[in-house]
Amino acid sequence: EDLQQIMIEAFNNGRDLARELTLKDEQEFLNRIRDQIEIHELTDAERQAFVRDSLAIHKQFEKVVTPQLLKTVHEAAGIKP
């Protein structure tokens, strides 16, 4: 138990750093290819439509990844099913 909190904090720190580095890498890659291809960035309305239309697929995976995990993902992404 005494190491559990340390492990949770280490995991959270590693997760947060990985996300930060991924976002940085994605931006660098996009900047490198931006003049070679057309990149369409979704508007808020397009993103909402994509999320709405993909919720049926989320439902299909509910038994595989558990309803609680989907709920956590939806909350983190700001999705209201």
N, C-alpha and C. Protein backbone atom coordinates (compact mmCIF):
# COMPACT_ATOMS: atom_id res chain seq x y z
N GLU A 1 0.82 -1.21 0.00
CA GLU A 1 0.00 0.00 0.00
C GLU A 1 0.85 1.26 0.00
N ASP A 2 1.98 1.23 0.70
CA ASP A 2 2.79 2.44 0.79
C ASP A 2 3.40 2.81 -0.56
N LEU A 3 3.59 1.85 -1.44
CA LEU A 3 4.14 2.14 -2.76
C LEU A 3 3.05 2.41 -3.80
N GLN A 4 1.83 2.07 -3.46
CA GLN A 4 0.74 2.24 -4.41
C GLN A 4 0.58 3.69 -4.86
N GLN A 5 0.59 4.62 -3.94
CA GLN A 5 0.43 6.04 -4.29
C GLN A 5 1.60 6.51 -5.15
N ILE A 6 2.80 6.07 -4.82
CA ILE A 6 3.98 6.44 -5.61
C ILE A 6 3.84 5.92 -7.04
N MET A 7 3.36 4.69 -7.18
CA MET A 7 3.18 4.11 -8.51
C MET A 7 2.10 4.85 -9.30
N ILE A 8 1.03 5.22 -8.63
CA ILE A 8 -0.05 5.96 -9.30
C ILE A 8 0.46 7.31 -9.78
N GLU A 9 1.21 8.00 -8.94
CA GLU A 9 1.76 9.30 -9.33
C GLU A 9 2.75 9.15 -10.47
N ALA A 10 3.59 8.13 -10.42
CA ALA A 10 4.57 7.90 -11.49
C ALA A 10 3.84 7.61 -12.81
N PHE A 11 2.81 6.78 -12.75
CA PHE A 11 2.03 6.49 -13.94
C PHE A 11 1.39 7.76 -14.50
N ASN A 12 0.78 8.54 -13.63
CA ASN A 12 0.13 9.78 -14.08
C ASN A 12 1.13 10.74 -14.71
N ASN A 13 2.31 10.86 -14.09
CA ASN A 13 3.34 11.74 -14.66
C ASN A 13 3.80 11.24 -16.02
N GLY A 14 4.02 9.94 -16.14
CA GLY A 14 4.43 9.36 -17.41
C GLY A 14 3.36 9.53 -18.48
N ARG A 15 2.12 9.30 -18.12
CA ARG A 15 0.99 9.47 -19.04
C ARG A 15 0.90 10.91 -19.53
N ASP A 16 1.00 11.85 -18.60
CA ASP A 16 0.89 13.26 -18.97
C ASP A 16 2.04 13.69 -19.88
N LEU A 17 3.24 13.23 -19.60
CA LEU A 17 4.38 13.57 -20.44
C LEU A 17 4.23 12.94 -21.82
N ALA A 18 3.78 11.71 -21.88
CA ALA A 18 3.59 11.03 -23.17
C ALA A 18 2.57 11.79 -24.01
N ARG A 19 1.50 12.25 -23.40
CA ARG A 19 0.48 13.00 -24.14
C ARG A 19 1.06 14.32 -24.66
N GLU A 20 1.82 15.00 -23.81
CA GLU A 20 2.43 16.27 -24.20
C GLU A 20 3.39 16.07 -25.37
N LEU A 21 4.22 15.04 -25.29
CA LEU A 21 5.19 14.79 -26.36
C LEU A 21 4.49 14.36 -27.65
N THR A 22 3.41 13.60 -27.53
CA THR A 22 2.65 13.18 -28.71
C THR A 22 2.06 14.39 -29.42
N LEU A 23 1.46 15.30 -28.66
CA LEU A 23 0.89 16.51 -29.27
C LEU A 23 1.98 17.34 -29.96
N LYS A 24 3.13 17.44 -29.33
CA LYS A 24 4.24 18.19 -29.92
C LYS A 24 4.70 17.52 -31.22
N ASP A 25 4.87 16.19 -31.18
CA ASP A 25 5.28 15.46 -32.39
C ASP A 25 4.26 15.60 -33.51
N GLU A 26 2.97 15.49 -33.17
CA GLU A 26 1.93 15.62 -34.18
C GLU A 26 2.01 16.98 -34.86
N GLN A 27 2.20 18.03 -34.08
CA GLN A 27 2.28 19.37 -34.64
C GLN A 27 3.49 19.51 -35.55
N GLU A 28 4.62 18.95 -35.13
CA GLU A 28 5.83 19.00 -35.96
C GLU A 28 5.62 18.25 -37.28
N PHE A 29 5.00 17.07 -37.22
CA PHE A 29 4.73 16.30 -38.44
C PHE A 29 3.79 17.05 -39.37
N LEU A 30 2.75 17.64 -38.80
CA LEU A 30 1.81 18.41 -39.61
C LEU A 30 2.52 19.59 -40.28
N ASN A 31 3.38 20.26 -39.55
CA ASN A 31 4.11 21.40 -40.11
C ASN A 31 5.01 20.95 -41.26
N ARG A 32 5.59 19.77 -41.15
CA ARG A 32 6.47 19.26 -42.21
C ARG A 32 5.73 18.93 -43.50
N ILE A 33 4.50 18.45 -43.37
CA ILE A 33 3.78 18.01 -44.57
C ILE A 33 2.72 19.00 -45.04
N ARG A 34 2.52 20.05 -44.30
CA ARG A 34 1.45 21.00 -44.61
C ARG A 34 1.52 21.55 -46.04
N ASP A 35 2.73 21.77 -46.55
CA ASP A 35 2.85 22.33 -47.91
C ASP A 35 2.83 21.23 -48.98
N GLN A 36 2.72 19.96 -48.58
CA GLN A 36 2.71 18.86 -49.53
C GLN A 36 1.32 18.26 -49.73
N ILE A 37 0.45 18.44 -48.75
CA ILE A 37 -0.90 17.90 -48.85
C ILE A 37 -1.89 18.91 -48.30
N GLU A 38 -3.14 18.68 -48.61
CA GLU A 38 -4.19 19.52 -48.04
C GLU A 38 -4.66 18.89 -46.73
N ILE A 39 -4.68 19.66 -45.70
CA ILE A 39 -5.11 19.19 -44.39
C ILE A 39 -6.42 19.88 -44.04
N HIS A 40 -7.45 19.09 -43.81
CA HIS A 40 -8.75 19.64 -43.42
C HIS A 40 -8.92 19.47 -41.92
N GLU A 41 -8.97 20.57 -41.22
CA GLU A 41 -9.20 20.52 -39.78
C GLU A 41 -10.70 20.69 -39.53
N LEU A 42 -11.23 19.79 -38.74
CA LEU A 42 -12.66 19.78 -38.49
C LEU A 42 -13.11 21.03 -37.72
N THR A 43 -14.23 21.54 -38.13
CA THR A 43 -14.86 22.60 -37.36
C THR A 43 -15.52 21.95 -36.14
N ASP A 44 -15.97 22.75 -35.22
CA ASP A 44 -16.67 22.19 -34.05
C ASP A 44 -17.91 21.42 -34.49
N ALA A 45 -18.63 21.95 -35.46
CA ALA A 45 -19.85 21.28 -35.93
C ALA A 45 -19.50 19.94 -36.60
N GLU A 46 -18.43 19.91 -37.38
CA GLU A 46 -18.01 18.66 -38.02
C GLU A 46 -17.56 17.64 -36.99
N ARG A 47 -16.84 18.10 -35.98
CA ARG A 47 -16.39 17.19 -34.93
C ARG A 47 -17.58 16.62 -34.18
N GLN A 48 -18.54 17.46 -33.86
CA GLN A 48 -19.74 16.99 -33.16
C GLN A 48 -20.50 15.96 -34.00
N ALA A 49 -20.58 16.20 -35.31
CA ALA A 49 -21.26 15.25 -36.20
C ALA A 49 -20.52 13.92 -36.24
N PHE A 50 -19.19 13.98 -36.29
CA PHE A 50 -18.37 12.77 -36.30
C PHE A 50 -18.59 11.97 -35.01
N VAL A 51 -18.56 12.67 -33.89
CA VAL A 51 -18.76 12.00 -32.60
C VAL A 51 -20.15 11.39 -32.55
N ARG A 52 -21.14 12.15 -32.92
CA ARG A 52 -22.53 11.66 -32.90
C ARG A 52 -22.67 10.41 -33.76
N ASP A 53 -22.10 10.46 -34.95
CA ASP A 53 -22.24 9.33 -35.88
C ASP A 53 -21.41 8.12 -35.47
N SER A 54 -20.42 8.31 -34.63
CA SER A 54 -19.58 7.18 -34.21
C SER A 54 -20.04 6.54 -32.90
N LEU A 55 -21.03 7.11 -32.24
CA LEU A 55 -21.47 6.56 -30.96
C LEU A 55 -22.01 5.14 -31.08
N ALA A 56 -22.60 4.80 -32.23
CA ALA A 56 -23.09 3.43 -32.43
C ALA A 56 -21.93 2.44 -32.38
N ILE A 57 -20.78 2.84 -32.91
CA ILE A 57 -19.61 1.98 -32.88
C ILE A 57 -19.11 1.84 -31.44
N HIS A 58 -19.14 2.93 -30.70
CA HIS A 58 -18.74 2.87 -29.29
C HIS A 58 -19.58 1.83 -28.57
N LYS A 59 -20.88 1.82 -28.84
CA LYS A 59 -21.80 0.89 -28.19
C LYS A 59 -21.41 -0.56 -28.48
N GLN A 60 -20.94 -0.82 -29.70
CA GLN A 60 -20.54 -2.18 -30.08
C GLN A 60 -19.36 -2.67 -29.24
N PHE A 61 -18.51 -1.77 -28.80
CA PHE A 61 -17.33 -2.16 -28.05
C PHE A 61 -17.55 -2.13 -26.54
N GLU A 62 -18.73 -1.79 -26.12
CA GLU A 62 -19.03 -1.66 -24.70
C GLU A 62 -18.73 -2.95 -23.93
N LYS A 63 -19.04 -4.10 -24.53
CA LYS A 63 -18.80 -5.37 -23.84
C LYS A 63 -17.33 -5.76 -23.85
N VAL A 64 -16.57 -5.21 -24.79
CA VAL A 64 -15.15 -5.53 -24.89
C VAL A 64 -14.33 -4.70 -23.91
N VAL A 65 -14.61 -3.40 -23.85
CA VAL A 65 -13.80 -2.50 -23.03
C VAL A 65 -14.49 -2.04 -21.75
N THR A 66 -15.66 -2.46 -21.51
CA THR A 66 -16.52 -2.14 -20.35
C THR A 66 -17.19 -0.78 -20.50
N PRO A 67 -18.43 -0.71 -20.05
CA PRO A 67 -19.16 0.56 -20.09
C PRO A 67 -18.45 1.67 -19.30
N GLN A 68 -17.82 1.30 -18.19
CA GLN A 68 -17.14 2.31 -17.36
C GLN A 68 -15.99 2.95 -18.11
N LEU A 69 -15.22 2.16 -18.86
CA LEU A 69 -14.11 2.72 -19.62
C LEU A 69 -14.63 3.67 -20.70
N LEU A 70 -15.70 3.27 -21.39
CA LEU A 70 -16.29 4.17 -22.39
C LEU A 70 -16.77 5.45 -21.74
N LYS A 71 -17.38 5.33 -20.57
CA LYS A 71 -17.85 6.53 -19.86
C LYS A 71 -16.68 7.45 -19.54
N THR A 72 -15.58 6.87 -19.08
CA THR A 72 -14.39 7.65 -18.75
C THR A 72 -13.85 8.36 -19.99
N VAL A 73 -13.79 7.64 -21.11
CA VAL A 73 -13.31 8.22 -22.37
C VAL A 73 -14.24 9.34 -22.80
N HIS A 74 -15.54 9.10 -22.74
CA HIS A 74 -16.50 10.14 -23.15
C HIS A 74 -16.36 11.39 -22.28
N GLU A 75 -16.20 11.19 -20.98
CA GLU A 75 -16.05 12.35 -20.09
C GLU A 75 -14.77 13.11 -20.41
N ALA A 76 -13.67 12.39 -20.64
CA ALA A 76 -12.39 13.04 -20.94
C ALA A 76 -12.44 13.80 -22.25
N ALA A 77 -13.20 13.28 -23.22
CA ALA A 77 -13.29 13.91 -24.52
C ALA A 77 -14.43 14.92 -24.61
N GLY A 78 -15.19 15.04 -23.56
CA GLY A 78 -16.31 15.98 -23.57
C GLY A 78 -17.48 15.50 -24.44
N ILE A 79 -17.62 14.18 -24.55
CA ILE A 79 -18.68 13.59 -25.37
C ILE A 79 -19.87 13.28 -24.47
N LYS A 80 -21.04 13.71 -24.92
CA LYS A 80 -22.28 13.41 -24.19
C LYS A 80 -23.11 12.47 -25.04
N PRO A 81 -23.02 11.14 -24.75
CA PRO A 81 -23.77 10.17 -25.58
C PRO A 81 -25.26 10.30 -25.43
